[in-house]
């Protein structure tokens, strides 16, 4: 039985993650990133305390995202209600979890052709 999700071609797949960063569709990133189905962008956030509606503005401005997976690093960190509400007002549901879980969940939702994005901090 094949358990690997089938990802449509041209999609950004998270292949690996670790303290040194991420590998997405063959490209290595040594910092925090925003991953969308069609693009991966640098995310100038160095820690969970810097995650705000302003640092997530690129997700809102890009449009098309219904679910934002926030990879908080090595452990999940609860996000403030005001941040969740601001994203909800933009039509985006926020799901915070440890970075490993966010990477795995992103790939599964991508395979299901869901409107998903991931904001990922390396798990330090």
PDB file of N, CA and C in Angstrom:
ATOM      1  N   UNK A   1       0.846  -1.172   0.000  1.00  0.00           N
ATOM      2  CA  UNK A   1       0.000   0.000   0.000  1.00  0.00           C
ATOM      3  C   UNK A   1       0.893   1.237   0.000  1.00  0.00           C
ATOM      4  N   UNK A   2       0.629   2.164  -0.898  1.00  0.00           N
ATOM      5  CA  UNK A   2       1.380   3.418  -0.992  1.00  0.00           C
ATOM      6  C   UNK A   2       0.798   4.426  -0.016  1.00  0.00           C
ATOM      7  N   UNK A   3       1.650   4.956   0.879  1.00  0.00           N
ATOM      8  CA  UNK A   3       1.183   5.922   1.867  1.00  0.00           C
ATOM      9  C   UNK A   3       1.651   7.345   1.578  1.00  0.00           C
ATOM     10  N   UNK A   4       2.528   7.494   0.589  1.00  0.00           N
ATOM     11  CA  UNK A   4       3.025   8.814   0.237  1.00  0.00           C
ATOM     12  C   UNK A   4       1.966   9.565  -0.549  1.00  0.00           C
ATOM     13  N   UNK A   5       1.598  10.791  -0.113  1.00  0.00           N
ATOM     14  CA  UNK A   5       0.581  11.526  -0.864  1.00  0.00           C
ATOM     15  C   UNK A   5       1.046  11.834  -2.284  1.00  0.00           C
ATOM     16  N   UNK A   6       0.128  11.808  -3.209  1.00  0.00           N
ATOM     17  CA  UNK A   6       0.427  12.168  -4.589  1.00  0.00           C
ATOM     18  C   UNK A   6       0.237  13.671  -4.715  1.00  0.00           C
ATOM     19  N   UNK A   7       1.320  14.354  -5.025  1.00  0.00           N
ATOM     20  CA  UNK A   7       1.315  15.811  -5.128  1.00  0.00           C
ATOM     21  C   UNK A   7       1.316  16.186  -6.611  1.00  0.00           C
ATOM     22  N   UNK A   8       0.403  17.048  -7.028  1.00  0.00           N
ATOM     23  CA  UNK A   8       0.415  17.483  -8.432  1.00  0.00           C
ATOM     24  C   UNK A   8       1.741  18.161  -8.791  1.00  0.00           C
ATOM     25  N   UNK A   9       2.175  18.005 -10.020  1.00  0.00           N
ATOM     26  CA  UNK A   9       3.428  18.624 -10.454  1.00  0.00           C
ATOM     27  C   UNK A   9       3.325  20.142 -10.362  1.00  0.00           C
ATOM     28  N   UNK A  10       4.476  20.774 -10.160  1.00  0.00           N
ATOM     29  CA  UNK A  10       4.532  22.223 -10.056  1.00  0.00           C
ATOM     30  C   UNK A  10       4.200  22.755  -8.675  1.00  0.00           C
ATOM     31  N   UNK A  11       3.991  21.869  -7.723  1.00  0.00           N
ATOM     32  CA  UNK A  11       3.644  22.276  -6.355  1.00  0.00           C
ATOM     33  C   UNK A  11       4.883  22.296  -5.473  1.00  0.00           C
ATOM     34  N   UNK A  12       4.845  23.114  -4.451  1.00  0.00           N
ATOM     35  CA  UNK A  12       5.928  23.231  -3.480  1.00  0.00           C
ATOM     36  C   UNK A  12       5.729  22.167  -2.400  1.00  0.00           C
ATOM     37  N   UNK A  13       6.603  21.185  -2.368  1.00  0.00           N
ATOM     38  CA  UNK A  13       6.536  20.081  -1.427  1.00  0.00           C
ATOM     39  C   UNK A  13       7.653  20.241  -0.396  1.00  0.00           C
ATOM     40  N   UNK A  14       7.318  20.140   0.880  1.00  0.00           N
ATOM     41  CA  UNK A  14       8.323  20.209   1.931  1.00  0.00           C
ATOM     42  C   UNK A  14       8.950  18.823   2.035  1.00  0.00           C
ATOM     43  N   UNK A  15      10.229  18.735   1.653  1.00  0.00           N
ATOM     44  CA  UNK A  15      10.917  17.452   1.607  1.00  0.00           C
ATOM     45  C   UNK A  15      11.621  17.119   2.918  1.00  0.00           C
ATOM     46  N   UNK A  16      12.116  18.146   3.620  1.00  0.00           N
ATOM     47  CA  UNK A  16      12.781  17.903   4.891  1.00  0.00           C
ATOM     48  C   UNK A  16      12.824  19.184   5.700  1.00  0.00           C
ATOM     49  N   UNK A  17      13.061  19.010   7.001  1.00  0.00           N
ATOM     50  CA  UNK A  17      13.172  20.143   7.912  1.00  0.00           C
ATOM     51  C   UNK A  17      14.111  19.748   9.041  1.00  0.00           C
ATOM     52  N   UNK A  18      14.704  20.745   9.668  1.00  0.00           N
ATOM     53  CA  UNK A  18      15.599  20.502  10.797  1.00  0.00           C
ATOM     54  C   UNK A  18      16.145  21.806  11.330  1.00  0.00           C
ATOM     55  N   UNK A  19      17.057  21.719  12.279  1.00  0.00           N
ATOM     56  CA  UNK A  19      17.596  22.926  12.902  1.00  0.00           C
ATOM     57  C   UNK A  19      18.336  23.806  11.896  1.00  0.00           C
ATOM     58  N   UNK A  20      18.790  23.239  10.799  1.00  0.00           N
ATOM     59  CA  UNK A  20      19.500  24.020   9.782  1.00  0.00           C
ATOM     60  C   UNK A  20      18.579  24.632   8.743  1.00  0.00           C
ATOM     61  N   UNK A  21      17.282  24.310   8.810  1.00  0.00           N
ATOM     62  CA  UNK A  21      16.343  24.896   7.861  1.00  0.00           C
ATOM     63  C   UNK A  21      15.480  23.869   7.178  1.00  0.00           C
ATOM     64  N   UNK A  22      15.165  24.134   5.905  1.00  0.00           N
ATOM     65  CA  UNK A  22      14.173  23.359   5.181  1.00  0.00           C
ATOM     66  C   UNK A  22      14.664  23.030   3.781  1.00  0.00           C
ATOM     67  N   UNK A  23      14.086  21.994   3.211  1.00  0.00           N
ATOM     68  CA  UNK A  23      14.282  21.684   1.797  1.00  0.00           C
ATOM     69  C   UNK A  23      12.886  21.584   1.200  1.00  0.00           C
ATOM     70  N   UNK A  24      12.622  22.467   0.226  1.00  0.00           N
ATOM     71  CA  UNK A  24      11.309  22.528  -0.416  1.00  0.00           C
ATOM     72  C   UNK A  24      11.510  22.398  -1.922  1.00  0.00           C
ATOM     73  N   UNK A  25      10.944  21.346  -2.482  1.00  0.00           N
ATOM     74  CA  UNK A  25      11.014  21.066  -3.914  1.00  0.00           C
ATOM     75  C   UNK A  25      12.441  21.249  -4.442  1.00  0.00           C
ATOM     76  N   UNK A  26      13.385  20.635  -3.741  1.00  0.00           N
ATOM     77  CA  UNK A  26      14.774  20.615  -4.189  1.00  0.00           C
ATOM     78  C   UNK A  26      15.616  21.809  -3.816  1.00  0.00           C
ATOM     79  N   UNK A  27      15.062  22.806  -3.149  1.00  0.00           N
ATOM     80  CA  UNK A  27      15.817  24.008  -2.783  1.00  0.00           C
ATOM     81  C   UNK A  27      15.939  24.082  -1.265  1.00  0.00           C
ATOM     82  N   UNK A  28      17.175  24.355  -0.788  1.00  0.00           N
ATOM     83  CA  UNK A  28      17.438  24.460   0.647  1.00  0.00           C
ATOM     84  C   UNK A  28      17.251  25.899   1.120  1.00  0.00           C
ATOM     85  N   UNK A  29      16.640  26.038   2.277  1.00  0.00           N
ATOM     86  CA  UNK A  29      16.426  27.340   2.929  1.00  0.00           C
ATOM     87  C   UNK A  29      16.968  27.236   4.347  1.00  0.00           C
ATOM     88  N   UNK A  30      17.856  28.151   4.727  1.00  0.00           N
ATOM     89  CA  UNK A  30      18.490  28.115   6.044  1.00  0.00           C
ATOM     90  C   UNK A  30      17.860  29.122   7.000  1.00  0.00           C
ATOM     91  N   UNK A  31      16.578  29.382   6.815  1.00  0.00           N
ATOM     92  CA  UNK A  31      15.897  30.397   7.631  1.00  0.00           C
ATOM     93  C   UNK A  31      14.399  30.098   7.638  1.00  0.00           C
ATOM     94  N   UNK A  32      13.650  30.946   8.289  1.00  0.00           N
ATOM     95  CA  UNK A  32      12.192  30.806   8.305  1.00  0.00           C
ATOM     96  C   UNK A  32      11.643  31.069   6.902  1.00  0.00           C
ATOM     97  N   UNK A  33      10.546  30.365   6.575  1.00  0.00           N
ATOM     98  CA  UNK A  33       9.976  30.488   5.236  1.00  0.00           C
ATOM     99  C   UNK A  33       8.453  30.500   5.283  1.00  0.00           C
ATOM    100  N   UNK A  34       7.876  31.029   4.219  1.00  0.00           N
ATOM    101  CA  UNK A  34       6.445  30.930   3.936  1.00  0.00           C
ATOM    102  C   UNK A  34       6.312  30.023   2.723  1.00  0.00           C
ATOM    103  N   UNK A  35       5.507  28.973   2.851  1.00  0.00           N
ATOM    104  CA  UNK A  35       5.337  28.029   1.751  1.00  0.00           C
ATOM    105  C   UNK A  35       3.890  28.093   1.272  1.00  0.00           C
ATOM    106  N   UNK A  36       3.729  28.351  -0.010  1.00  0.00           N
ATOM    107  CA  UNK A  36       2.437  28.357  -0.685  1.00  0.00           C
ATOM    108  C   UNK A  36       2.450  27.222  -1.703  1.00  0.00           C
ATOM    109  N   UNK A  37       1.330  26.802  -2.195  1.00  0.00           N
ATOM    110  CA  UNK A  37       1.335  25.713  -3.174  1.00  0.00           C
ATOM    111  C   UNK A  37       2.218  25.976  -4.399  1.00  0.00           C
ATOM    112  N   UNK A  38       2.378  27.235  -4.782  1.00  0.00           N
ATOM    113  CA  UNK A  38       3.127  27.551  -5.998  1.00  0.00           C
ATOM    114  C   UNK A  38       4.418  28.327  -5.772  1.00  0.00           C
ATOM    115  N   UNK A  39       4.776  28.625  -4.512  1.00  0.00           N
ATOM    116  CA  UNK A  39       5.987  29.410  -4.255  1.00  0.00           C
ATOM    117  C   UNK A  39       6.420  29.262  -2.802  1.00  0.00           C
ATOM    118  N   UNK A  40       7.727  29.415  -2.597  1.00  0.00           N
ATOM    119  CA  UNK A  40       8.293  29.458  -1.249  1.00  0.00           C
ATOM    120  C   UNK A  40       9.047  30.770  -1.128  1.00  0.00           C
ATOM    121  N   UNK A  41       8.768  31.511  -0.054  1.00  0.00           N
ATOM    122  CA  UNK A  41       9.348  32.833   0.159  1.00  0.00           C
ATOM    123  C   UNK A  41      10.112  32.890   1.472  1.00  0.00           C
ATOM    124  N   UNK A  42      11.164  33.709   1.501  1.00  0.00           N
ATOM    125  CA  UNK A  42      11.838  33.986   2.770  1.00  0.00           C
ATOM    126  C   UNK A  42      10.852  34.673   3.694  1.00  0.00           C
ATOM    127  N   UNK A  43      10.925  34.353   4.976  1.00  0.00           N
ATOM    128  CA  UNK A  43      10.064  34.968   5.984  1.00  0.00           C
ATOM    129  C   UNK A  43      10.979  35.544   7.042  1.00  0.00           C
ATOM    130  N   UNK A  44      11.041  36.846   7.133  1.00  0.00           N
ATOM    131  CA  UNK A  44      11.992  37.520   8.011  1.00  0.00           C
ATOM    132  C   UNK A  44      11.522  37.524   9.469  1.00  0.00           C
ATOM    133  N   UNK A  45      11.350  36.331  10.011  1.00  0.00           N
ATOM    134  CA  UNK A  45      10.935  36.138  11.400  1.00  0.00           C
ATOM    135  C   UNK A  45      11.942  35.184  12.027  1.00  0.00           C
ATOM    136  N   UNK A  46      12.534  35.591  13.146  1.00  0.00           N
ATOM    137  CA  UNK A  46      13.569  34.757  13.757  1.00  0.00           C
ATOM    138  C   UNK A  46      13.063  33.925  14.930  1.00  0.00           C
ATOM    139  N   UNK A  47      11.890  34.247  15.452  1.00  0.00           N
ATOM    140  CA  UNK A  47      11.363  33.493  16.585  1.00  0.00           C
ATOM    141  C   UNK A  47       9.862  33.659  16.705  1.00  0.00           C
ATOM    142  N   UNK A  48       9.255  32.816  17.497  1.00  0.00           N
ATOM    143  CA  UNK A  48       7.807  32.808  17.637  1.00  0.00           C
ATOM    144  C   UNK A  48       7.271  34.136  18.166  1.00  0.00           C
ATOM    145  N   UNK A  49       8.052  34.823  18.979  1.00  0.00           N
ATOM    146  CA  UNK A  49       7.608  36.106  19.536  1.00  0.00           C
ATOM    147  C   UNK A  49       7.440  37.182  18.462  1.00  0.00           C
ATOM    148  N   UNK A  50       8.030  36.970  17.301  1.00  0.00           N
ATOM    149  CA  UNK A  50       7.940  37.941  16.206  1.00  0.00           C
ATOM    150  C   UNK A  50       6.773  37.651  15.256  1.00  0.00           C
ATOM    151  N   UNK A  51       5.988  36.625  15.527  1.00  0.00           N
ATOM    152  CA  UNK A  51       4.849  36.299  14.664  1.00  0.00           C
ATOM    153  C   UNK A  51       3.695  37.226  15.030  1.00  0.00           C
ATOM    154  N   UNK A  52       3.357  38.099  14.096  1.00  0.00           N
ATOM    155  CA  UNK A  52       2.281  39.078  14.284  1.00  0.00           C
ATOM    156  C   UNK A  52       1.459  39.153  13.005  1.00  0.00           C
ATOM    157  N   UNK A  53       0.389  39.899  13.069  1.00  0.00           N
ATOM    158  CA  UNK A  53      -0.410  40.091  11.860  1.00  0.00           C
ATOM    159  C   UNK A  53       0.422  40.798  10.787  1.00  0.00           C
ATOM    160  N   UNK A  54       1.330  41.651  11.186  1.00  0.00           N
ATOM    161  CA  UNK A  54       2.181  42.343  10.207  1.00  0.00           C
ATOM    162  C   UNK A  54       3.176  41.389   9.550  1.00  0.00           C
ATOM    163  N   UNK A  55       3.781  40.479  10.332  1.00  0.00           N
ATOM    164  CA  UNK A  55       4.740  39.565   9.722  1.00  0.00           C
ATOM    165  C   UNK A  55       4.033  38.491   8.885  1.00  0.00           C
ATOM    166  N   UNK A  56       2.731  38.327   9.113  1.00  0.00           N
ATOM    167  CA  UNK A  56       1.940  37.397   8.297  1.00  0.00           C
ATOM    168  C   UNK A  56       1.195  38.095   7.158  1.00  0.00           C
ATOM    169  N   UNK A  57       1.390  39.400   7.024  1.00  0.00           N
ATOM    170  CA  UNK A  57       0.738  40.170   5.975  1.00  0.00           C
ATOM    171  C   UNK A  57       0.958  39.588   4.575  1.00  0.00           C
ATOM    172  N   UNK A  58       2.148  39.046   4.250  1.00  0.00           N
ATOM    173  CA  UNK A  58       2.318  38.467   2.906  1.00  0.00           C
ATOM    174  C   UNK A  58       1.325  37.340   2.597  1.00  0.00           C
ATOM    175  N   UNK A  59       0.906  36.598   3.613  1.00  0.00           N
ATOM    176  CA  UNK A  59      -0.077  35.531   3.405  1.00  0.00           C
ATOM    177  C   UNK A  59      -1.428  36.140   3.036  1.00  0.00           C
ATOM    178  N   UNK A  60      -1.818  37.188   3.759  1.00  0.00           N
ATOM    179  CA  UNK A  60      -3.092  37.858   3.495  1.00  0.00           C
ATOM    180  C   UNK A  60      -3.079  38.504   2.110  1.00  0.00           C
ATOM    181  N   UNK A  61      -1.996  39.221   1.800  1.00  0.00           N
ATOM    182  CA  UNK A  61      -1.915  39.950   0.531  1.00  0.00           C
ATOM    183  C   UNK A  61      -1.861  39.019  -0.676  1.00  0.00           C
ATOM    184  N   UNK A  62      -1.257  37.875  -0.505  1.00  0.00           N
ATOM    185  CA  UNK A  62      -1.171  36.926  -1.614  1.00  0.00           C
ATOM    186  C   UNK A  62      -2.555  36.392  -1.996  1.00  0.00           C
ATOM    187  N   UNK A  63      -3.420  36.234  -0.998  1.00  0.00           N
ATOM    188  CA  UNK A  63      -4.773  35.742  -1.246  1.00  0.00           C
ATOM    189  C   UNK A  63      -4.796  34.250  -1.522  1.00  0.00           C
ATOM    190  N   UNK A  64      -5.994  33.692  -1.466  1.00  0.00           N
ATOM    191  CA  UNK A  64      -6.172  32.293  -1.817  1.00  0.00           C
ATOM    192  C   UNK A  64      -5.931  31.283  -0.718  1.00  0.00           C
ATOM    193  N   UNK A  65      -5.476  31.720   0.448  1.00  0.00           N
ATOM    194  CA  UNK A  65      -5.201  30.787   1.543  1.00  0.00           C
ATOM    195  C   UNK A  65      -6.405  30.710   2.467  1.00  0.00           C
ATOM    196  N   UNK A  66      -6.849  29.492   2.738  1.00  0.00           N
ATOM    197  CA  UNK A  66      -7.924  29.277   3.708  1.00  0.00           C
ATOM    198  C   UNK A  66      -7.390  28.744   5.033  1.00  0.00           C
ATOM    199  N   UNK A  67      -6.286  27.986   4.966  1.00  0.00           N
ATOM    200  CA  UNK A  67      -5.688  27.394   6.160  1.00  0.00           C
ATOM    201  C   UNK A  67      -4.217  27.784   6.201  1.00  0.00           C
ATOM    202  N   UNK A  68      -3.812  28.397   7.311  1.00  0.00           N
ATOM    203  CA  UNK A  68      -2.408  28.728   7.522  1.00  0.00           C
ATOM    204  C   UNK A  68      -1.887  27.858   8.657  1.00  0.00           C
ATOM    205  N   UNK A  69      -0.898  27.029   8.332  1.00  0.00           N
ATOM    206  CA  UNK A  69      -0.248  26.197   9.325  1.00  0.00           C
ATOM    207  C   UNK A  69       0.972  26.950   9.827  1.00  0.00           C
ATOM    208  N   UNK A  70       1.038  27.174  11.121  1.00  0.00           N
ATOM    209  CA  UNK A  70       2.161  27.886  11.722  1.00  0.00           C
ATOM    210  C   UNK A  70       3.045  26.882  12.428  1.00  0.00           C
ATOM    211  N   UNK A  71       4.240  26.676  11.895  1.00  0.00           N
ATOM    212  CA  UNK A  71       5.237  25.813  12.528  1.00  0.00           C
ATOM    213  C   UNK A  71       6.011  26.640  13.538  1.00  0.00           C
ATOM    214  N   UNK A  72       5.731  26.434  14.808  1.00  0.00           N
ATOM    215  CA  UNK A  72       6.242  27.276  15.900  1.00  0.00           C
ATOM    216  C   UNK A  72       7.680  26.974  16.310  1.00  0.00           C
ATOM    217  N   UNK A  73       8.301  25.978  15.720  1.00  0.00           N
ATOM    218  CA  UNK A  73       9.634  25.555  16.141  1.00  0.00           C
ATOM    219  C   UNK A  73       9.539  24.159  16.741  1.00  0.00           C
ATOM    220  N   UNK A  74      10.357  23.886  17.754  1.00  0.00           N
ATOM    221  CA  UNK A  74      10.400  22.555  18.353  1.00  0.00           C
ATOM    222  C   UNK A  74       9.125  22.197  19.109  1.00  0.00           C
ATOM    223  N   UNK A  75       8.422  23.213  19.601  1.00  0.00           N
ATOM    224  CA  UNK A  75       7.183  22.965  20.351  1.00  0.00           C
ATOM    225  C   UNK A  75       6.103  23.926  19.907  1.00  0.00           C
ATOM    226  N   UNK A  76       4.859  23.471  20.007  1.00  0.00           N
ATOM    227  CA  UNK A  76       3.717  24.320  19.690  1.00  0.00           C
ATOM    228  C   UNK A  76       3.609  25.418  20.738  1.00  0.00           C
ATOM    229  N   UNK A  77       3.264  26.598  20.293  1.00  0.00           N
ATOM    230  CA  UNK A  77       3.048  27.746  21.169  1.00  0.00           C
ATOM    231  C   UNK A  77       1.669  28.318  20.854  1.00  0.00           C
ATOM    232  N   UNK A  78       0.821  28.497  21.864  1.00  0.00           N
ATOM    233  CA  UNK A  78      -0.492  29.096  21.597  1.00  0.00           C
ATOM    234  C   UNK A  78      -0.335  30.515  21.046  1.00  0.00           C
ATOM    235  N   UNK A  79      -1.171  30.853  20.084  1.00  0.00           N
ATOM    236  CA  UNK A  79      -1.140  32.176  19.475  1.00  0.00           C
ATOM    237  C   UNK A  79      -2.222  33.052  20.101  1.00  0.00           C
ATOM    238  N   UNK A  80      -1.960  34.362  20.189  1.00  0.00           N
ATOM    239  CA  UNK A  80      -2.945  35.271  20.782  1.00  0.00           C
ATOM    240  C   UNK A  80      -4.271  35.273  20.014  1.00  0.00           C
ATOM    241  N   UNK A  81      -5.352  35.426  20.756  1.00  0.00           N
ATOM    242  CA  UNK A  81      -6.688  35.459  20.151  1.00  0.00           C
ATOM    243  C   UNK A  81      -6.803  36.577  19.126  1.00  0.00           C
ATOM    244  N   UNK A  82      -6.156  37.716  19.385  1.00  0.00           N
ATOM    245  CA  UNK A  82      -6.232  38.842  18.449  1.00  0.00           C
ATOM    246  C   UNK A  82      -5.623  38.479  17.093  1.00  0.00           C
ATOM    247  N   UNK A  83      -4.554  37.713  17.085  1.00  0.00           N
ATOM    248  CA  UNK A  83      -3.937  37.281  15.829  1.00  0.00           C
ATOM    249  C   UNK A  83      -4.872  36.332  15.087  1.00  0.00           C
ATOM    250  N   UNK A  84      -5.441  35.389  15.797  1.00  0.00           N
ATOM    251  CA  UNK A  84      -6.383  34.451  15.184  1.00  0.00           C
ATOM    252  C   UNK A  84      -7.585  35.200  14.587  1.00  0.00           C
ATOM    253  N   UNK A  85      -8.093  36.181  15.327  1.00  0.00           N
ATOM    254  CA  UNK A  85      -9.251  36.939  14.863  1.00  0.00           C
ATOM    255  C   UNK A  85      -8.920  37.775  13.636  1.00  0.00           C
ATOM    256  N   UNK A  86      -7.739  38.382  13.625  1.00  0.00           N
ATOM    257  CA  UNK A  86      -7.343  39.192  12.472  1.00  0.00           C
ATOM    258  C   UNK A  86      -7.219  38.321  11.213  1.00  0.00           C
ATOM    259  N   UNK A  87      -6.650  37.135  11.366  1.00  0.00           N
ATOM    260  CA  UNK A  87      -6.557  36.227  10.219  1.00  0.00           C
ATOM    261  C   UNK A  87      -7.939  35.725   9.806  1.00  0.00           C
ATOM    262  N   UNK A  88      -8.777  35.431  10.783  1.00  0.00           N
ATOM    263  CA  UNK A  88     -10.134  34.969  10.480  1.00  0.00           C
ATOM    264  C   UNK A  88     -10.900  36.034   9.696  1.00  0.00           C
ATOM    265  N   UNK A  89     -10.705  37.309  10.051  1.00  0.00           N
ATOM    266  CA  UNK A  89     -11.358  38.403   9.325  1.00  0.00           C
ATOM    267  C   UNK A  89     -10.915  38.444   7.865  1.00  0.00           C
ATOM    268  N   UNK A  90      -9.700  37.932   7.595  1.00  0.00           N
ATOM    269  CA  UNK A  90      -9.189  37.854   6.222  1.00  0.00           C
ATOM    270  C   UNK A  90      -9.563  36.533   5.554  1.00  0.00           C
ATOM    271  N   UNK A  91     -10.358  35.704   6.246  1.00  0.00           N
ATOM    272  CA  UNK A  91     -10.793  34.432   5.672  1.00  0.00           C
ATOM    273  C   UNK A  91      -9.793  33.302   5.831  1.00  0.00           C
ATOM    274  N   UNK A  92      -8.861  33.453   6.781  1.00  0.00           N
ATOM    275  CA  UNK A  92      -7.798  32.468   6.971  1.00  0.00           C
ATOM    276  C   UNK A  92      -7.893  31.864   8.365  1.00  0.00           C
ATOM    277  N   UNK A  93      -7.964  30.545   8.427  1.00  0.00           N
ATOM    278  CA  UNK A  93      -7.919  29.849   9.701  1.00  0.00           C
ATOM    279  C   UNK A  93      -6.477  29.562  10.080  1.00  0.00           C
ATOM    280  N   UNK A  94      -6.118  29.780  11.337  1.00  0.00           N
ATOM    281  CA  UNK A  94      -4.748  29.566  11.809  1.00  0.00           C
ATOM    282  C   UNK A  94      -4.694  28.296  12.642  1.00  0.00           C
ATOM    283  N   UNK A  95      -3.728  27.442  12.331  1.00  0.00           N
ATOM    284  CA  UNK A  95      -3.501  26.227  13.101  1.00  0.00           C
ATOM    285  C   UNK A  95      -2.027  26.189  13.478  1.00  0.00           C
ATOM    286  N   UNK A  96      -1.731  26.458  14.756  1.00  0.00           N
ATOM    287  CA  UNK A  96      -0.350  26.471  15.252  1.00  0.00           C
ATOM    288  C   UNK A  96       0.017  25.089  15.774  1.00  0.00           C
ATOM    289  N   UNK A  97       1.240  24.648  15.471  1.00  0.00           N
ATOM    290  CA  UNK A  97       1.730  23.339  15.896  1.00  0.00           C
ATOM    291  C   UNK A  97       3.249  23.344  15.828  1.00  0.00           C
ATOM    292  N   UNK A  98       3.892  22.282  16.290  1.00  0.00           N
ATOM    293  CA  UNK A  98       5.347  22.237  16.144  1.00  0.00           C
ATOM    294  C   UNK A  98       5.675  22.155  14.647  1.00  0.00           C
ATOM    295  N   UNK A  99       6.877  22.542  14.295  1.00  0.00           N
ATOM    296  CA  UNK A  99       7.244  22.658  12.886  1.00  0.00           C
ATOM    297  C   UNK A  99       7.162  21.336  12.136  1.00  0.00           C
ATOM    298  N   UNK A 100       7.568  20.247  12.764  1.00  0.00           N
ATOM    299  CA  UNK A 100       7.492  18.948  12.095  1.00  0.00           C
ATOM    300  C   UNK A 100       6.062  18.606  11.712  1.00  0.00           C
ATOM    301  N   UNK A 101       5.141  18.792  12.650  1.00  0.00           N
ATOM    302  CA  UNK A 101       3.725  18.515  12.373  1.00  0.00           C
ATOM    303  C   UNK A 101       3.199  19.438  11.279  1.00  0.00           C
ATOM    304  N   UNK A 102       3.617  20.696  11.293  1.00  0.00           N
ATOM    305  CA  UNK A 102       3.168  21.644  10.265  1.00  0.00           C
ATOM    306  C   UNK A 102       3.644  21.218   8.878  1.00  0.00           C
ATOM    307  N   UNK A 103       4.885  20.755   8.780  1.00  0.00           N
ATOM    308  CA  UNK A 103       5.415  20.309   7.483  1.00  0.00           C
ATOM    309  C   UNK A 103       4.643  19.102   6.967  1.00  0.00           C
ATOM    310  N   UNK A 104       4.415  18.123   7.821  1.00  0.00           N
ATOM    311  CA  UNK A 104       3.684  16.919   7.406  1.00  0.00           C
ATOM    312  C   UNK A 104       2.241  17.246   7.028  1.00  0.00           C
ATOM    313  N   UNK A 105       1.591  18.079   7.839  1.00  0.00           N
ATOM    314  CA  UNK A 105       0.199  18.442   7.576  1.00  0.00           C
ATOM    315  C   UNK A 105       0.080  19.234   6.282  1.00  0.00           C
ATOM    316  N   UNK A 106       1.010  20.145   6.049  1.00  0.00           N
ATOM    317  CA  UNK A 106       1.004  20.924   4.798  1.00  0.00           C
ATOM    318  C   UNK A 106       1.025  19.989   3.596  1.00  0.00           C
ATOM    319  N   UNK A 107       1.938  19.010   3.590  1.00  0.00           N
ATOM    320  CA  UNK A 107       2.045  18.102   2.442  1.00  0.00           C
ATOM    321  C   UNK A 107       0.768  17.305   2.230  1.00  0.00           C
ATOM    322  N   UNK A 108       0.133  16.857   3.299  1.00  0.00           N
ATOM    323  CA  UNK A 108      -1.115  16.105   3.173  1.00  0.00           C
ATOM    324  C   UNK A 108      -2.216  16.996   2.600  1.00  0.00           C
ATOM    325  N   UNK A 109      -2.359  18.202   3.143  1.00  0.00           N
ATOM    326  CA  UNK A 109      -3.399  19.113   2.649  1.00  0.00           C
ATOM    327  C   UNK A 109      -3.126  19.543   1.210  1.00  0.00           C
ATOM    328  N   UNK A 110      -1.863  19.715   0.865  1.00  0.00           N
ATOM    329  CA  UNK A 110      -1.496  20.042  -0.515  1.00  0.00           C
ATOM    330  C   UNK A 110      -1.921  18.912  -1.448  1.00  0.00           C
ATOM    331  N   UNK A 111      -1.690  17.670  -1.040  1.00  0.00           N
ATOM    332  CA  UNK A 111      -2.081  16.519  -1.858  1.00  0.00           C
ATOM    333  C   UNK A 111      -3.594  16.453  -2.031  1.00  0.00           C
ATOM    334  N   UNK A 112      -4.329  16.962  -1.051  1.00  0.00           N
ATOM    335  CA  UNK A 112      -5.795  17.004  -1.144  1.00  0.00           C
ATOM    336  C   UNK A 112      -6.291  18.226  -1.909  1.00  0.00           C
ATOM    337  N   UNK A 113      -5.339  19.010  -2.443  1.00  0.00           N
ATOM    338  CA  UNK A 113      -5.643  20.217  -3.214  1.00  0.00           C
ATOM    339  C   UNK A 113      -6.388  21.257  -2.381  1.00  0.00           C
ATOM    340  N   UNK A 114      -6.034  21.336  -1.101  1.00  0.00           N
ATOM    341  CA  UNK A 114      -6.628  22.333  -0.214  1.00  0.00           C
ATOM    342  C   UNK A 114      -5.904  23.659  -0.394  1.00  0.00           C
ATOM    343  N   UNK A 115      -6.542  24.738  -0.006  1.00  0.00           N
ATOM    344  CA  UNK A 115      -5.960  26.088  -0.121  1.00  0.00           C
ATOM    345  C   UNK A 115      -5.173  26.370   1.151  1.00  0.00           C
ATOM    346  N   UNK A 116      -3.958  25.843   1.201  1.00  0.00           N
ATOM    347  CA  UNK A 116      -3.137  25.841   2.403  1.00  0.00           C
ATOM    348  C   UNK A 116      -1.840  26.612   2.176  1.00  0.00           C
ATOM    349  N   UNK A 117      -1.307  27.160   3.249  1.00  0.00           N
ATOM    350  CA  UNK A 117       0.023  27.769   3.264  1.00  0.00           C
ATOM    351  C   UNK A 117       0.652  27.419   4.607  1.00  0.00           C
ATOM    352  N   UNK A 118       1.975  27.512   4.679  1.00  0.00           N
ATOM    353  CA  UNK A 118       2.674  27.235   5.927  1.00  0.00           C
ATOM    354  C   UNK A 118       3.663  28.357   6.211  1.00  0.00           C
ATOM    355  N   UNK A 119       3.659  28.816   7.456  1.00  0.00           N
ATOM    356  CA  UNK A 119       4.643  29.769   7.960  1.00  0.00           C
ATOM    357  C   UNK A 119       5.509  28.972   8.921  1.00  0.00           C
ATOM    358  N   UNK A 120       6.786  28.768   8.558  1.00  0.00           N
ATOM    359  CA  UNK A 120       7.613  27.807   9.271  1.00  0.00           C
ATOM    360  C   UNK A 120       8.850  28.416   9.905  1.00  0.00           C
ATOM    361  N   UNK A 121       9.016  28.159  11.192  1.00  0.00           N
ATOM    362  CA  UNK A 121      10.236  28.493  11.925  1.00  0.00           C
ATOM    363  C   UNK A 121      11.049  27.216  12.075  1.00  0.00           C
ATOM    364  N   UNK A 122      12.371  27.263  11.879  1.00  0.00           N
ATOM    365  CA  UNK A 122      13.153  26.050  12.092  1.00  0.00           C
ATOM    366  C   UNK A 122      13.003  25.542  13.530  1.00  0.00           C
ATOM    367  N   UNK A 123      13.004  24.214  13.717  1.00  0.00           N
ATOM    368  CA  UNK A 123      12.817  23.650  15.062  1.00  0.00           C
ATOM    369  C   UNK A 123      14.092  23.688  15.902  1.00  0.00           C
ATOM    370  N   UNK A 124      14.428  24.840  16.454  1.00  0.00           N
ATOM    371  CA  UNK A 124      15.665  24.999  17.240  1.00  0.00           C
ATOM    372  C   UNK A 124      15.426  24.747  18.685  1.00  0.00           C
TER     373      UNK A 124
END
